[in-house]
Amino acid sequence: MNTKTMSTQEVANRLVELCRKGQVLESQQELFAENVTSHEPAHSPTPAAIGKEAVLAKGKHFASLIEKRYSGSFEDPIVAGNYFSFVCKLDADLKGMGRVVWDEICVFGVKDGKITSEQFFY
């Protein structure tokens, strides 16, 4: 059993790898700390959340809002200390919102090899 704690760069690379495979919910289950916090802009269709179960539920709710996906991408991460960010793009029809095109910056905090915070800017 490998007990080595992943570095911030390793966590960042793994998150982007899983997201690019369409395994966003799986990435949260694997990489998020139990006390993770999630922060959204005021105009977001999903609220902020505290705790892994609440963040997982928020992710599932957002996924359920996607009626049709036209395109999407995840850029390579940029790491600085215990934080990393990447650009995420989404072009999709969302329930109750119609077609949206998001070009967002996602910022994550890491401690002890787990993501402890996420914040989205779009």
C-alpha atoms as a PDB file:
ATOM      1  CA  MET A   1       0.000   0.000   0.000  1.00  0.00           C
ATOM      2  CA  ASN A   2       1.340   3.402  -0.999  1.00  0.00           C
ATOM      3  CA  THR A   3       1.083   5.803   1.938  1.00  0.00           C
ATOM      4  CA  LYS A   4       2.877   8.713   0.225  1.00  0.00           C
ATOM      5  CA  THR A   5       0.853  11.918   0.341  1.00  0.00           C
ATOM      6  CA  MET A   6       0.348  13.437  -3.096  1.00  0.00           C
ATOM      7  CA  SER A   7       1.898  16.828  -3.757  1.00  0.00           C
ATOM      8  CA  THR A   8      -0.229  19.765  -4.868  1.00  0.00           C
ATOM      9  CA  GLN A   9       1.035  19.217  -8.436  1.00  0.00           C
ATOM     10  CA  GLU A  10       0.060  15.528  -8.305  1.00  0.00           C
ATOM     11  CA  VAL A  11      -3.415  16.356  -6.964  1.00  0.00           C
ATOM     12  CA  ALA A  12      -3.844  19.000  -9.674  1.00  0.00           C
ATOM     13  CA  ASN A  13      -2.735  16.636 -12.434  1.00  0.00           C
ATOM     14  CA  ARG A  14      -5.010  13.854 -11.169  1.00  0.00           C
ATOM     15  CA  LEU A  15      -8.036  16.153 -10.950  1.00  0.00           C
ATOM     16  CA  VAL A  16      -7.563  17.430 -14.498  1.00  0.00           C
ATOM     17  CA  GLU A  17      -6.930  13.875 -15.760  1.00  0.00           C
ATOM     18  CA  LEU A  18     -10.201  12.599 -14.280  1.00  0.00           C
ATOM     19  CA  CYS A  19     -12.188  15.651 -15.376  1.00  0.00           C
ATOM     20  CA  ARG A  20     -10.962  15.261 -18.952  1.00  0.00           C
ATOM     21  CA  LYS A  21     -12.242  11.658 -18.862  1.00  0.00           C
ATOM     22  CA  GLY A  22     -15.670  12.913 -17.756  1.00  0.00           C
ATOM     23  CA  GLN A  23     -15.156  11.545 -14.235  1.00  0.00           C
ATOM     24  CA  VAL A  24     -15.800  14.758 -12.320  1.00  0.00           C
ATOM     25  CA  LEU A  25     -17.880  13.140  -9.563  1.00  0.00           C
ATOM     26  CA  GLU A  26     -15.323  10.338  -9.196  1.00  0.00           C
ATOM     27  CA  SER A  27     -12.556  12.929  -8.874  1.00  0.00           C
ATOM     28  CA  GLN A  28     -14.396  14.589  -5.998  1.00  0.00           C
ATOM     29  CA  GLN A  29     -14.840  11.266  -4.210  1.00  0.00           C
ATOM     30  CA  GLU A  30     -11.151  10.431  -4.591  1.00  0.00           C
ATOM     31  CA  LEU A  31      -9.457  13.773  -4.030  1.00  0.00           C
ATOM     32  CA  PHE A  32     -11.636  15.868  -1.710  1.00  0.00           C
ATOM     33  CA  ALA A  33     -11.033  16.102   2.037  1.00  0.00           C
ATOM     34  CA  GLU A  34     -13.935  15.403   4.396  1.00  0.00           C
ATOM     35  CA  ASN A  35     -14.029  19.105   5.408  1.00  0.00           C
ATOM     36  CA  VAL A  36     -13.812  20.536   1.867  1.00  0.00           C
ATOM     37  CA  THR A  37     -15.542  23.849   1.166  1.00  0.00           C
ATOM     38  CA  SER A  38     -17.005  24.946  -2.168  1.00  0.00           C
ATOM     39  CA  HIS A  39     -17.608  28.590  -3.069  1.00  0.00           C
ATOM     40  CA  GLU A  40     -19.660  29.838  -6.026  1.00  0.00           C
ATOM     41  CA  PRO A  41     -20.444  33.262  -7.486  1.00  0.00           C
ATOM     42  CA  ALA A  42     -23.770  34.787  -6.408  1.00  0.00           C
ATOM     43  CA  HIS A  43     -25.309  34.102  -9.855  1.00  0.00           C
ATOM     44  CA  SER A  44     -24.457  30.382  -9.793  1.00  0.00           C
ATOM     45  CA  PRO A  45     -27.228  27.788 -10.276  1.00  0.00           C
ATOM     46  CA  THR A  46     -25.704  25.818  -7.361  1.00  0.00           C
ATOM     47  CA  PRO A  47     -25.079  27.126  -3.835  1.00  0.00           C
ATOM     48  CA  ALA A  48     -21.883  27.036  -1.806  1.00  0.00           C
ATOM     49  CA  ALA A  49     -21.350  23.856   0.207  1.00  0.00           C
ATOM     50  CA  ILE A  50     -19.363  22.703   3.234  1.00  0.00           C
ATOM     51  CA  GLY A  51     -18.252  19.108   3.776  1.00  0.00           C
ATOM     52  CA  LYS A  52     -17.535  16.321   1.334  1.00  0.00           C
ATOM     53  CA  GLU A  53     -21.059  14.884   1.246  1.00  0.00           C
ATOM     54  CA  ALA A  54     -22.595  18.319   0.621  1.00  0.00           C
ATOM     55  CA  VAL A  55     -20.053  19.075  -2.126  1.00  0.00           C
ATOM     56  CA  LEU A  56     -20.694  15.682  -3.752  1.00  0.00           C
ATOM     57  CA  ALA A  57     -24.450  16.356  -3.655  1.00  0.00           C
ATOM     58  CA  LYS A  58     -23.851  19.794  -5.203  1.00  0.00           C
ATOM     59  CA  GLY A  59     -21.835  18.202  -8.018  1.00  0.00           C
ATOM     60  CA  LYS A  60     -24.553  15.636  -8.697  1.00  0.00           C
ATOM     61  CA  HIS A  61     -27.168  18.394  -8.737  1.00  0.00           C
ATOM     62  CA  PHE A  62     -25.161  20.432 -11.252  1.00  0.00           C
ATOM     63  CA  ALA A  63     -24.686  17.365 -13.465  1.00  0.00           C
ATOM     64  CA  SER A  64     -28.477  16.817 -13.397  1.00  0.00           C
ATOM     65  CA  LEU A  65     -28.997  20.355 -14.760  1.00  0.00           C
ATOM     66  CA  ILE A  66     -27.118  19.619 -17.991  1.00  0.00           C
ATOM     67  CA  GLU A  67     -29.660  18.813 -20.695  1.00  0.00           C
ATOM     68  CA  LYS A  68     -27.285  18.942 -23.663  1.00  0.00           C
ATOM     69  CA  ARG A  69     -23.522  19.447 -23.762  1.00  0.00           C
ATOM     70  CA  TYR A  70     -22.062  21.030 -26.883  1.00  0.00           C
ATOM     71  CA  SER A  71     -18.448  21.230 -25.771  1.00  0.00           C
ATOM     72  CA  GLY A  72     -16.216  21.524 -22.753  1.00  0.00           C
ATOM     73  CA  SER A  73     -12.570  21.463 -21.786  1.00  0.00           C
ATOM     74  CA  PHE A  74     -10.145  21.558 -18.867  1.00  0.00           C
ATOM     75  CA  GLU A  75      -6.817  23.365 -19.306  1.00  0.00           C
ATOM     76  CA  ASP A  76      -3.533  22.277 -17.711  1.00  0.00           C
ATOM     77  CA  PRO A  77      -3.247  23.290 -14.040  1.00  0.00           C
ATOM     78  CA  ILE A  78      -1.060  26.085 -12.709  1.00  0.00           C
ATOM     79  CA  VAL A  79       0.373  25.390  -9.241  1.00  0.00           C
ATOM     80  CA  ALA A  80       1.597  27.867  -6.624  1.00  0.00           C
ATOM     81  CA  GLY A  81       2.370  26.541  -3.157  1.00  0.00           C
ATOM     82  CA  ASN A  82      -0.673  24.744  -1.750  1.00  0.00           C
ATOM     83  CA  TYR A  83      -3.002  26.095  -4.453  1.00  0.00           C
ATOM     84  CA  PHE A  84      -3.696  25.364  -8.079  1.00  0.00           C
ATOM     85  CA  SER A  85      -6.039  26.653 -10.718  1.00  0.00           C
ATOM     86  CA  PHE A  86      -7.149  25.839 -14.216  1.00  0.00           C
ATOM     87  CA  VAL A  87      -9.560  27.145 -16.816  1.00  0.00           C
ATOM     88  CA  CYS A  88     -12.711  25.132 -17.419  1.00  0.00           C
ATOM     89  CA  LYS A  89     -14.954  25.830 -20.394  1.00  0.00           C
ATOM     90  CA  LEU A  90     -18.516  24.600 -20.790  1.00  0.00           C
ATOM     91  CA  ASP A  91     -21.065  25.152 -23.541  1.00  0.00           C
ATOM     92  CA  ALA A  92     -24.319  23.447 -22.583  1.00  0.00           C
ATOM     93  CA  ASP A  93     -28.077  23.723 -22.239  1.00  0.00           C
ATOM     94  CA  LEU A  94     -28.984  23.904 -18.541  1.00  0.00           C
ATOM     95  CA  LYS A  95     -32.466  23.283 -17.173  1.00  0.00           C
ATOM     96  CA  GLY A  96     -34.222  26.582 -16.591  1.00  0.00           C
ATOM     97  CA  MET A  97     -31.324  28.615 -18.022  1.00  0.00           C
ATOM     98  CA  GLY A  98     -31.130  27.646 -21.688  1.00  0.00           C
ATOM     99  CA  ARG A  99     -27.770  27.595 -23.407  1.00  0.00           C
ATOM    100  CA  VAL A 100     -24.868  28.882 -21.336  1.00  0.00           C
ATOM    101  CA  VAL A 101     -21.239  29.330 -22.280  1.00  0.00           C
ATOM    102  CA  TRP A 102     -18.941  29.467 -19.273  1.00  0.00           C
ATOM    103  CA  ASP A 103     -15.277  30.283 -19.309  1.00  0.00           C
ATOM    104  CA  GLU A 104     -14.343  29.916 -15.658  1.00  0.00           C
ATOM    105  CA  ILE A 105     -11.288  29.861 -13.460  1.00  0.00           C
ATOM    106  CA  CYS A 106     -11.342  27.097 -10.872  1.00  0.00           C
ATOM    107  CA  VAL A 107      -9.104  27.559  -7.799  1.00  0.00           C
ATOM    108  CA  PHE A 108      -8.330  24.750  -5.357  1.00  0.00           C
ATOM    109  CA  GLY A 109      -6.551  24.586  -2.005  1.00  0.00           C
ATOM    110  CA  VAL A 110      -4.669  21.429  -1.004  1.00  0.00           C
ATOM    111  CA  LYS A 111      -3.548  20.134   2.389  1.00  0.00           C
ATOM    112  CA  ASP A 112      -2.084  16.720   3.162  1.00  0.00           C
ATOM    113  CA  GLY A 113      -2.697  15.508  -0.390  1.00  0.00           C
ATOM    114  CA  LYS A 114      -6.436  16.313  -0.416  1.00  0.00           C
ATOM    115  CA  ILE A 115      -8.438  19.211  -1.830  1.00  0.00           C
ATOM    116  CA  THR A 116      -9.727  21.326   1.053  1.00  0.00           C
ATOM    117  CA  SER A 117     -11.346  24.159  -0.905  1.00  0.00           C
ATOM    118  CA  GLU A 118     -12.669  24.975  -4.342  1.00  0.00           C
ATOM    119  CA  GLN A 119     -13.805  28.329  -5.680  1.00  0.00           C
ATOM    120  CA  PHE A 120     -15.175  29.213  -9.098  1.00  0.00           C
ATOM    121  CA  PHE A 121     -14.998  32.532 -10.976  1.00  0.00           C
ATOM    122  CA  TYR A 122     -17.094  33.109 -14.108  1.00  0.00           C
END
